[in-house]
Amino acid sequence: MKAKKFATQIDPDVLKDLRAFAKKTDRSISSVVSDAVKEYISKAQIRPAFRSAMDEVLEDHSELLTRLAK
């Protein structure tokens, strides 16, 4: 898929670090930002799924978990 341009603002110190990291890893700023955003979104989406699964386990096995905790 072809990349789309967009504009945003960023803290000057973060931009400095971003440029340094991109240069150090021989990557474009666009590539670093794209990967970082993908990873952030992926992790943010996992949290609700994990919480939902955890709530289900706690609900289904509350008595057993209470006994194990003693």
N, C-alpha and C. Protein backbone atom coordinates (compact mmCIF):
# COMPACT_ATOMS: atom_id res chain seq x y z
N MET A 1 0.84 -1.17 0.00
CA MET A 1 0.00 0.00 0.00
C MET A 1 0.89 1.24 0.00
N LYS A 2 0.52 2.20 -0.80
CA LYS A 2 1.29 3.43 -0.89
C LYS A 2 1.09 4.27 0.36
N ALA A 3 2.17 4.80 0.87
CA ALA A 3 2.11 5.63 2.07
C ALA A 3 1.42 6.95 1.77
N LYS A 4 0.74 7.48 2.77
CA LYS A 4 0.06 8.77 2.65
C LYS A 4 0.77 9.78 3.55
N LYS A 5 0.88 10.98 3.05
CA LYS A 5 1.47 12.06 3.83
C LYS A 5 0.45 12.61 4.80
N PHE A 6 0.93 13.03 5.96
CA PHE A 6 0.09 13.73 6.92
C PHE A 6 0.99 14.65 7.74
N ALA A 7 0.39 15.63 8.36
CA ALA A 7 1.16 16.58 9.16
C ALA A 7 0.78 16.43 10.62
N THR A 8 1.76 16.61 11.47
CA THR A 8 1.53 16.57 12.91
C THR A 8 2.57 17.45 13.59
N GLN A 9 2.46 17.58 14.87
CA GLN A 9 3.44 18.34 15.64
C GLN A 9 4.05 17.43 16.68
N ILE A 10 5.30 17.71 17.02
CA ILE A 10 6.01 16.87 17.98
C ILE A 10 6.95 17.75 18.81
N ASP A 11 7.17 17.35 20.02
CA ASP A 11 8.09 18.06 20.91
C ASP A 11 9.47 18.12 20.26
N PRO A 12 10.13 19.27 20.28
CA PRO A 12 11.44 19.39 19.64
C PRO A 12 12.48 18.38 20.13
N ASP A 13 12.47 18.07 21.42
CA ASP A 13 13.43 17.10 21.95
C ASP A 13 13.13 15.69 21.43
N VAL A 14 11.85 15.36 21.31
CA VAL A 14 11.47 14.05 20.77
C VAL A 14 11.88 13.97 19.31
N LEU A 15 11.68 15.05 18.57
CA LEU A 15 12.08 15.08 17.16
C LEU A 15 13.59 14.90 17.02
N LYS A 16 14.33 15.54 17.89
CA LYS A 16 15.80 15.39 17.88
C LYS A 16 16.18 13.93 18.10
N ASP A 17 15.55 13.30 19.09
CA ASP A 17 15.83 11.89 19.37
C ASP A 17 15.40 11.00 18.21
N LEU A 18 14.26 11.32 17.61
CA LEU A 18 13.76 10.55 16.46
C LEU A 18 14.74 10.62 15.30
N ARG A 19 15.20 11.81 15.00
CA ARG A 19 16.18 11.97 13.90
C ARG A 19 17.46 11.19 14.19
N ALA A 20 17.93 11.28 15.43
CA ALA A 20 19.17 10.58 15.80
C ALA A 20 18.98 9.07 15.70
N PHE A 21 17.83 8.57 16.17
CA PHE A 21 17.56 7.14 16.10
C PHE A 21 17.46 6.66 14.66
N ALA A 22 16.77 7.42 13.83
CA ALA A 22 16.63 7.05 12.42
C ALA A 22 18.00 6.99 11.75
N LYS A 23 18.83 7.98 12.03
CA LYS A 23 20.17 8.01 11.44
C LYS A 23 21.01 6.83 11.94
N LYS A 24 20.95 6.59 13.25
CA LYS A 24 21.74 5.51 13.86
C LYS A 24 21.35 4.14 13.30
N THR A 25 20.07 3.95 13.01
CA THR A 25 19.58 2.67 12.51
C THR A 25 19.48 2.63 10.99
N ASP A 26 19.97 3.69 10.35
CA ASP A 26 19.97 3.79 8.88
C ASP A 26 18.56 3.59 8.30
N ARG A 27 17.61 4.29 8.90
CA ARG A 27 16.22 4.22 8.45
C ARG A 27 15.69 5.63 8.25
N SER A 28 14.61 5.72 7.53
CA SER A 28 13.97 7.03 7.37
C SER A 28 13.14 7.34 8.61
N ILE A 29 12.92 8.62 8.84
CA ILE A 29 12.05 9.03 9.94
C ILE A 29 10.66 8.44 9.74
N SER A 30 10.20 8.46 8.51
CA SER A 30 8.88 7.92 8.19
C SER A 30 8.77 6.45 8.58
N SER A 31 9.80 5.68 8.29
CA SER A 31 9.81 4.26 8.62
C SER A 31 9.77 4.04 10.14
N VAL A 32 10.55 4.80 10.87
CA VAL A 32 10.58 4.67 12.32
C VAL A 32 9.23 5.05 12.93
N VAL A 33 8.66 6.16 12.47
CA VAL A 33 7.36 6.60 12.99
C VAL A 33 6.28 5.58 12.66
N SER A 34 6.27 5.09 11.43
CA SER A 34 5.27 4.12 11.01
C SER A 34 5.33 2.85 11.87
N ASP A 35 6.53 2.33 12.08
CA ASP A 35 6.68 1.13 12.91
C ASP A 35 6.27 1.40 14.36
N ALA A 36 6.63 2.56 14.88
CA ALA A 36 6.28 2.90 16.26
C ALA A 36 4.77 3.00 16.44
N VAL A 37 4.09 3.61 15.49
CA VAL A 37 2.63 3.76 15.57
C VAL A 37 1.96 2.40 15.46
N LYS A 38 2.44 1.56 14.54
CA LYS A 38 1.87 0.21 14.40
C LYS A 38 2.00 -0.57 15.70
N GLU A 39 3.18 -0.52 16.31
CA GLU A 39 3.41 -1.24 17.56
C GLU A 39 2.53 -0.70 18.69
N TYR A 40 2.41 0.62 18.77
CA TYR A 40 1.59 1.24 19.81
C TYR A 40 0.13 0.80 19.67
N ILE A 41 -0.39 0.84 18.46
CA ILE A 41 -1.78 0.45 18.21
C ILE A 41 -1.98 -1.03 18.53
N SER A 42 -1.04 -1.86 18.12
CA SER A 42 -1.13 -3.29 18.38
C SER A 42 -1.19 -3.58 19.88
N LYS A 43 -0.32 -2.94 20.64
CA LYS A 43 -0.30 -3.14 22.09
C LYS A 43 -1.56 -2.60 22.74
N ALA A 44 -2.04 -1.47 22.27
CA ALA A 44 -3.25 -0.87 22.84
C ALA A 44 -4.47 -1.75 22.59
N GLN A 45 -4.49 -2.46 21.47
CA GLN A 45 -5.61 -3.34 21.15
C GLN A 45 -5.56 -4.64 21.93
N ILE A 46 -4.39 -5.07 22.32
CA ILE A 46 -4.24 -6.31 23.08
C ILE A 46 -4.76 -6.13 24.50
N ARG A 47 -4.54 -4.97 25.08
CA ARG A 47 -4.94 -4.74 26.47
C ARG A 47 -6.42 -5.01 26.72
N PRO A 48 -7.34 -4.45 25.92
CA PRO A 48 -8.75 -4.75 26.17
C PRO A 48 -9.07 -6.24 26.02
N ALA A 49 -8.45 -6.90 25.06
CA ALA A 49 -8.69 -8.34 24.87
C ALA A 49 -8.17 -9.12 26.07
N PHE A 50 -7.02 -8.73 26.59
CA PHE A 50 -6.45 -9.39 27.76
C PHE A 50 -7.35 -9.17 28.98
N ARG A 51 -7.79 -7.93 29.15
CA ARG A 51 -8.67 -7.63 30.29
C ARG A 51 -9.96 -8.43 30.22
N SER A 52 -10.50 -8.53 29.04
CA SER A 52 -11.74 -9.28 28.85
C SER A 52 -11.53 -10.76 29.21
N ALA A 53 -10.42 -11.33 28.73
CA ALA A 53 -10.12 -12.73 29.03
C ALA A 53 -9.87 -12.91 30.53
N MET A 54 -9.17 -11.97 31.14
CA MET A 54 -8.89 -12.05 32.57
C MET A 54 -10.18 -11.96 33.38
N ASP A 55 -11.07 -11.06 33.00
CA ASP A 55 -12.36 -10.94 33.69
C ASP A 55 -13.16 -12.23 33.59
N GLU A 56 -13.10 -12.85 32.42
CA GLU A 56 -13.82 -14.11 32.22
C GLU A 56 -13.26 -15.21 33.12
N VAL A 57 -11.94 -15.31 33.19
CA VAL A 57 -11.30 -16.31 34.05
C VAL A 57 -11.67 -16.06 35.52
N LEU A 58 -11.58 -14.80 35.93
CA LEU A 58 -11.91 -14.47 37.32
C LEU A 58 -13.36 -14.80 37.65
N GLU A 59 -14.24 -14.52 36.72
CA GLU A 59 -15.66 -14.80 36.94
C GLU A 59 -15.92 -16.31 36.97
N ASP A 60 -15.35 -17.03 36.01
CA ASP A 60 -15.61 -18.47 35.89
C ASP A 60 -14.96 -19.29 37.01
N HIS A 61 -13.86 -18.78 37.56
CA HIS A 61 -13.10 -19.58 38.53
C HIS A 61 -12.84 -18.83 39.83
N SER A 62 -13.75 -17.96 40.21
CA SER A 62 -13.52 -17.12 41.40
C SER A 62 -13.35 -17.95 42.67
N GLU A 63 -14.16 -18.98 42.84
CA GLU A 63 -14.06 -19.80 44.06
C GLU A 63 -12.71 -20.50 44.14
N LEU A 64 -12.29 -21.10 43.04
CA LEU A 64 -10.99 -21.79 43.01
C LEU A 64 -9.85 -20.80 43.27
N LEU A 65 -9.89 -19.65 42.64
CA LEU A 65 -8.83 -18.66 42.82
C LEU A 65 -8.79 -18.16 44.27
N THR A 66 -9.94 -18.01 44.88
CA THR A 66 -9.99 -17.59 46.28
C THR A 66 -9.35 -18.64 47.18
N ARG A 67 -9.66 -19.90 46.93
CA ARG A 67 -9.06 -20.98 47.74
C ARG A 67 -7.56 -21.08 47.51
N LEU A 68 -7.12 -20.89 46.29
CA LEU A 68 -5.69 -20.95 46.00
C LEU A 68 -4.94 -19.80 46.66
N ALA A 69 -5.58 -18.68 46.81
CA ALA A 69 -4.94 -17.51 47.40
C ALA A 69 -4.72 -17.66 48.90
N LYS A 70 -5.46 -18.59 49.53
CA LYS A 70 -5.33 -18.77 50.99
C LYS A 70 -4.13 -19.56 51.35
